[in-house]
N, C-alpha and C. Protein backbone atom coordinates (compact mmCIF):
# COMPACT_ATOMS: atom_id res chain seq x y z
N MET A 1 40.25 120.13 87.87
CA MET A 1 40.24 120.37 86.45
C MET A 1 39.08 119.59 85.84
N ARG A 2 38.40 120.20 84.89
CA ARG A 2 37.30 119.54 84.18
C ARG A 2 37.84 118.98 82.86
N ILE A 3 37.67 117.67 82.67
CA ILE A 3 38.26 116.97 81.54
C ILE A 3 37.19 116.21 80.77
N LEU A 4 37.26 116.30 79.45
CA LEU A 4 36.39 115.53 78.57
C LEU A 4 37.26 114.62 77.72
N LEU A 5 36.84 113.37 77.59
CA LEU A 5 37.57 112.38 76.79
C LEU A 5 36.72 112.00 75.58
N ASP A 6 37.35 111.95 74.42
CA ASP A 6 36.65 111.56 73.21
C ASP A 6 36.36 110.06 73.26
N GLU A 7 35.49 109.62 72.37
CA GLU A 7 35.05 108.22 72.37
C GLU A 7 36.17 107.25 71.98
N ASN A 8 37.28 107.75 71.44
CA ASN A 8 38.37 106.88 71.01
C ASN A 8 39.41 106.62 72.10
N LEU A 9 39.12 107.02 73.32
CA LEU A 9 40.01 106.76 74.46
C LEU A 9 39.35 105.74 75.39
N PRO A 10 40.14 104.94 76.10
CA PRO A 10 39.57 103.89 76.96
C PRO A 10 38.68 104.47 78.07
N GLU A 11 37.54 103.84 78.27
CA GLU A 11 36.62 104.27 79.33
C GLU A 11 37.25 104.18 80.72
N SER A 12 38.20 103.28 80.91
CA SER A 12 38.84 103.14 82.22
C SER A 12 39.62 104.39 82.60
N LEU A 13 39.91 105.23 81.64
CA LEU A 13 40.60 106.49 81.89
C LEU A 13 39.71 107.46 82.69
N VAL A 14 38.40 107.35 82.52
CA VAL A 14 37.47 108.22 83.26
C VAL A 14 37.65 108.02 84.76
N SER A 15 37.55 106.80 85.22
CA SER A 15 37.66 106.54 86.67
C SER A 15 39.08 106.82 87.18
N ALA A 16 40.09 106.53 86.37
CA ALA A 16 41.47 106.79 86.80
C ALA A 16 41.70 108.28 87.04
N LEU A 17 41.19 109.13 86.16
CA LEU A 17 41.35 110.58 86.34
C LEU A 17 40.45 111.10 87.46
N ARG A 18 39.29 110.50 87.63
CA ARG A 18 38.41 110.90 88.75
C ARG A 18 39.08 110.60 90.09
N GLN A 19 39.80 109.49 90.16
CA GLN A 19 40.50 109.13 91.40
C GLN A 19 41.57 110.16 91.75
N LEU A 20 42.03 110.91 90.77
CA LEU A 20 43.01 111.97 91.01
C LEU A 20 42.34 113.28 91.43
N GLY A 21 41.00 113.26 91.48
CA GLY A 21 40.26 114.43 91.94
C GLY A 21 39.73 115.34 90.85
N HIS A 22 39.80 114.89 89.61
CA HIS A 22 39.33 115.71 88.49
C HIS A 22 37.87 115.39 88.18
N GLU A 23 37.17 116.37 87.62
CA GLU A 23 35.82 116.15 87.11
C GLU A 23 35.98 115.66 85.68
N VAL A 24 35.58 114.43 85.42
CA VAL A 24 35.85 113.80 84.13
C VAL A 24 34.58 113.18 83.55
N GLU A 25 34.38 113.44 82.28
CA GLU A 25 33.32 112.80 81.51
C GLU A 25 33.93 112.34 80.20
N SER A 26 33.22 111.47 79.53
CA SER A 26 33.63 111.06 78.20
C SER A 26 32.44 111.20 77.27
N VAL A 27 32.73 111.19 75.99
CA VAL A 27 31.64 111.23 75.00
C VAL A 27 30.71 110.06 75.26
N ASN A 28 31.26 108.92 75.68
CA ASN A 28 30.44 107.74 75.96
C ASN A 28 29.58 107.92 77.21
N THR A 29 30.15 108.43 78.31
CA THR A 29 29.36 108.58 79.55
C THR A 29 28.28 109.64 79.37
N LEU A 30 28.51 110.59 78.48
CA LEU A 30 27.50 111.62 78.21
C LEU A 30 26.50 111.15 77.14
N ARG A 31 26.72 109.95 76.62
CA ARG A 31 25.86 109.34 75.60
C ARG A 31 25.77 110.20 74.34
N LEU A 32 26.94 110.68 73.91
CA LEU A 32 27.03 111.54 72.73
C LEU A 32 27.80 110.87 71.59
N LYS A 33 28.02 109.57 71.71
CA LYS A 33 28.78 108.85 70.69
C LYS A 33 28.12 109.04 69.33
N GLY A 34 28.94 109.39 68.34
CA GLY A 34 28.43 109.60 67.00
C GLY A 34 28.09 111.05 66.69
N LEU A 35 28.10 111.92 67.70
CA LEU A 35 27.85 113.34 67.47
C LEU A 35 28.98 113.91 66.61
N ASP A 36 28.64 114.75 65.64
CA ASP A 36 29.69 115.26 64.77
C ASP A 36 30.67 116.12 65.58
N ASN A 37 31.93 116.10 65.15
CA ASN A 37 33.01 116.75 65.89
C ASN A 37 32.80 118.25 66.07
N SER A 38 32.29 118.92 65.08
CA SER A 38 32.08 120.36 65.17
C SER A 38 31.10 120.70 66.28
N THR A 39 29.98 119.99 66.32
CA THR A 39 28.98 120.22 67.37
C THR A 39 29.56 119.86 68.73
N LEU A 40 30.26 118.75 68.79
CA LEU A 40 30.88 118.32 70.04
C LEU A 40 31.82 119.38 70.57
N TYR A 41 32.66 119.93 69.71
CA TYR A 41 33.63 120.94 70.14
C TYR A 41 32.95 122.25 70.51
N ARG A 42 32.05 122.72 69.67
CA ARG A 42 31.44 124.04 69.88
C ARG A 42 30.40 124.07 71.00
N GLN A 43 29.71 122.96 71.24
CA GLN A 43 28.62 122.98 72.21
C GLN A 43 28.92 122.24 73.51
N VAL A 44 29.60 121.12 73.43
CA VAL A 44 29.82 120.30 74.63
C VAL A 44 31.16 120.62 75.29
N ALA A 45 32.22 120.66 74.53
CA ALA A 45 33.57 120.79 75.08
C ALA A 45 33.80 122.12 75.78
N GLN A 46 33.00 123.11 75.50
CA GLN A 46 33.21 124.44 76.06
C GLN A 46 33.10 124.47 77.59
N GLY A 47 32.49 123.49 78.18
CA GLY A 47 32.36 123.43 79.63
C GLY A 47 33.55 122.76 80.32
N TYR A 48 34.61 122.47 79.57
CA TYR A 48 35.75 121.73 80.11
C TYR A 48 37.04 122.53 79.94
N ASP A 49 38.04 122.15 80.73
CA ASP A 49 39.37 122.77 80.61
C ASP A 49 40.21 122.06 79.57
N LEU A 50 40.16 120.73 79.57
CA LEU A 50 40.93 119.90 78.64
C LEU A 50 40.01 118.91 77.95
N PHE A 51 40.26 118.68 76.68
CA PHE A 51 39.50 117.71 75.90
C PHE A 51 40.53 116.88 75.14
N PHE A 52 40.59 115.59 75.44
CA PHE A 52 41.58 114.70 74.83
C PHE A 52 40.93 113.84 73.75
N THR A 53 41.64 113.69 72.63
CA THR A 53 41.19 112.83 71.53
C THR A 53 42.41 112.19 70.88
N LYS A 54 42.17 111.15 70.11
CA LYS A 54 43.23 110.57 69.28
C LYS A 54 42.96 110.86 67.80
N ASP A 55 41.91 111.59 67.52
CA ASP A 55 41.44 111.86 66.16
C ASP A 55 42.20 113.03 65.54
N ALA A 56 43.15 112.73 64.67
CA ALA A 56 43.98 113.76 64.04
C ALA A 56 43.15 114.70 63.17
N GLY A 57 42.13 114.19 62.48
CA GLY A 57 41.27 115.03 61.66
C GLY A 57 40.49 116.03 62.48
N PHE A 58 40.00 115.60 63.62
CA PHE A 58 39.27 116.48 64.54
C PHE A 58 40.18 117.62 64.97
N VAL A 59 41.39 117.29 65.40
CA VAL A 59 42.34 118.31 65.86
C VAL A 59 42.70 119.26 64.72
N HIS A 60 42.90 118.71 63.53
CA HIS A 60 43.22 119.57 62.38
C HIS A 60 42.10 120.59 62.14
N ASN A 61 40.87 120.15 62.19
CA ASN A 61 39.74 121.06 61.97
C ASN A 61 39.68 122.14 63.05
N VAL A 62 39.93 121.78 64.28
CA VAL A 62 39.90 122.75 65.38
C VAL A 62 41.03 123.76 65.23
N ARG A 63 42.18 123.31 64.76
CA ARG A 63 43.31 124.24 64.56
C ARG A 63 42.96 125.35 63.57
N THR A 64 42.07 125.07 62.63
CA THR A 64 41.72 126.07 61.63
C THR A 64 40.64 127.04 62.12
N MET A 65 40.00 126.72 63.25
CA MET A 65 38.97 127.60 63.82
C MET A 65 39.62 128.64 64.71
N ARG A 66 38.93 129.74 64.87
CA ARG A 66 39.36 130.69 65.90
C ARG A 66 38.96 130.11 67.25
N PRO A 67 39.80 130.26 68.27
CA PRO A 67 39.44 129.73 69.59
C PRO A 67 38.12 130.36 70.07
N THR A 68 37.24 129.51 70.57
CA THR A 68 35.95 130.00 71.03
C THR A 68 35.84 129.98 72.55
N SER A 69 36.81 129.42 73.22
CA SER A 69 36.78 129.37 74.68
C SER A 69 38.14 128.97 75.22
N ARG A 70 38.18 128.69 76.49
CA ARG A 70 39.44 128.33 77.13
C ARG A 70 39.76 126.84 77.02
N VAL A 71 38.84 126.02 76.51
CA VAL A 71 39.10 124.59 76.43
C VAL A 71 40.28 124.33 75.50
N LYS A 72 41.12 123.39 75.90
CA LYS A 72 42.25 122.97 75.06
C LYS A 72 41.94 121.57 74.56
N LEU A 73 41.79 121.45 73.24
CA LEU A 73 41.66 120.15 72.61
C LEU A 73 43.06 119.66 72.31
N LEU A 74 43.41 118.51 72.86
CA LEU A 74 44.76 117.96 72.68
C LEU A 74 44.66 116.57 72.05
N ARG A 75 45.53 116.33 71.06
CA ARG A 75 45.57 115.01 70.43
C ARG A 75 46.57 114.14 71.17
N VAL A 76 46.08 113.05 71.70
CA VAL A 76 46.92 112.11 72.43
C VAL A 76 47.73 111.30 71.42
N VAL A 77 49.05 111.36 71.56
CA VAL A 77 49.93 110.67 70.61
C VAL A 77 50.69 109.51 71.28
N LEU A 78 50.19 109.04 72.40
CA LEU A 78 50.78 107.86 73.02
C LEU A 78 50.56 106.67 72.09
N PRO A 79 51.49 105.72 72.04
CA PRO A 79 51.32 104.56 71.17
C PRO A 79 50.06 103.76 71.51
N GLN A 80 49.44 103.21 70.49
CA GLN A 80 48.26 102.35 70.69
C GLN A 80 48.70 101.10 71.43
N GLN A 81 47.95 100.73 72.45
CA GLN A 81 48.23 99.53 73.24
C GLN A 81 46.97 99.16 74.01
N PRO A 82 46.94 97.99 74.66
CA PRO A 82 45.76 97.63 75.45
C PRO A 82 45.46 98.69 76.51
N ALA A 83 44.20 98.72 76.95
CA ALA A 83 43.72 99.79 77.83
C ALA A 83 44.55 99.97 79.10
N LYS A 84 44.86 98.90 79.79
CA LYS A 84 45.55 99.03 81.08
C LYS A 84 46.92 99.71 80.95
N PRO A 85 47.81 99.25 80.06
CA PRO A 85 49.09 99.96 79.91
C PRO A 85 48.93 101.37 79.32
N PHE A 86 47.91 101.55 78.47
CA PHE A 86 47.67 102.88 77.91
C PHE A 86 47.30 103.87 79.02
N VAL A 87 46.39 103.46 79.89
CA VAL A 87 45.97 104.33 81.01
C VAL A 87 47.16 104.64 81.91
N LYS A 88 47.97 103.64 82.18
CA LYS A 88 49.16 103.86 83.01
C LYS A 88 50.10 104.88 82.37
N ALA A 89 50.35 104.75 81.07
CA ALA A 89 51.22 105.69 80.36
C ALA A 89 50.60 107.08 80.31
N PHE A 90 49.29 107.14 80.11
CA PHE A 90 48.58 108.42 80.08
C PHE A 90 48.72 109.13 81.43
N LEU A 91 48.47 108.42 82.51
CA LEU A 91 48.56 109.02 83.85
C LEU A 91 49.98 109.47 84.17
N ARG A 92 50.97 108.70 83.78
CA ARG A 92 52.36 109.09 84.01
C ARG A 92 52.65 110.41 83.30
N ALA A 93 52.26 110.51 82.04
CA ALA A 93 52.48 111.74 81.27
C ALA A 93 51.64 112.89 81.83
N PHE A 94 50.42 112.60 82.25
CA PHE A 94 49.52 113.61 82.80
C PHE A 94 50.15 114.29 84.01
N HIS A 95 50.73 113.47 84.91
CA HIS A 95 51.37 114.00 86.12
C HIS A 95 52.56 114.90 85.81
N GLN A 96 53.23 114.64 84.72
CA GLN A 96 54.46 115.37 84.38
C GLN A 96 54.22 116.59 83.49
N THR A 97 52.98 116.84 83.13
CA THR A 97 52.69 117.90 82.15
C THR A 97 52.43 119.24 82.81
N ASP A 98 53.05 120.26 82.24
CA ASP A 98 52.75 121.65 82.59
C ASP A 98 51.80 122.14 81.50
N TRP A 99 50.52 122.24 81.84
CA TRP A 99 49.48 122.52 80.85
C TRP A 99 49.62 123.91 80.25
N SER A 100 50.32 124.81 80.90
CA SER A 100 50.47 126.16 80.36
C SER A 100 51.33 126.16 79.08
N HIS A 101 52.05 125.08 78.83
CA HIS A 101 52.89 125.00 77.64
C HIS A 101 52.14 124.48 76.42
N TYR A 102 50.89 124.10 76.60
CA TYR A 102 50.10 123.55 75.50
C TYR A 102 49.03 124.52 75.05
N ARG A 103 48.83 124.54 73.73
CA ARG A 103 47.79 125.37 73.13
C ARG A 103 46.72 124.47 72.53
N ASN A 104 45.58 125.04 72.27
CA ASN A 104 44.50 124.32 71.64
C ASN A 104 44.98 123.72 70.32
N GLY A 105 44.76 122.41 70.16
CA GLY A 105 45.14 121.73 68.93
C GLY A 105 46.52 121.11 68.95
N ASP A 106 47.24 121.21 70.05
CA ASP A 106 48.57 120.62 70.14
C ASP A 106 48.51 119.09 70.29
N ASP A 107 49.59 118.46 69.89
CA ASP A 107 49.77 117.03 70.18
C ASP A 107 50.29 116.92 71.61
N TRP A 108 49.85 115.88 72.31
CA TRP A 108 50.25 115.66 73.70
C TRP A 108 50.54 114.20 73.90
N PRO A 109 51.47 113.75 74.67
CA PRO A 109 52.46 114.54 75.41
C PRO A 109 53.64 114.92 74.55
């Protein structure tokens, strides 16, 4: 699975998901930090299957657009916590998720 992580998620999540065999990039690893959300979604995210963010405004804006591709932008609603426990909770939820039940713009998990 090809996964993109927004700049508001811990960078340690990139390597953790790569260890599971996924192709993973982040806005930071792609050096796109500060790029406006519309451009990010319409031009960059289209090459991915899943795009995770914690930005509620970004997700709200995408919900109002017509879907332009198969990428699913999902808002991560796990509680804010230090990176290590956050990554652990993210991976636990990731393993338990049936992605077919989620639509573009949904809250996850």
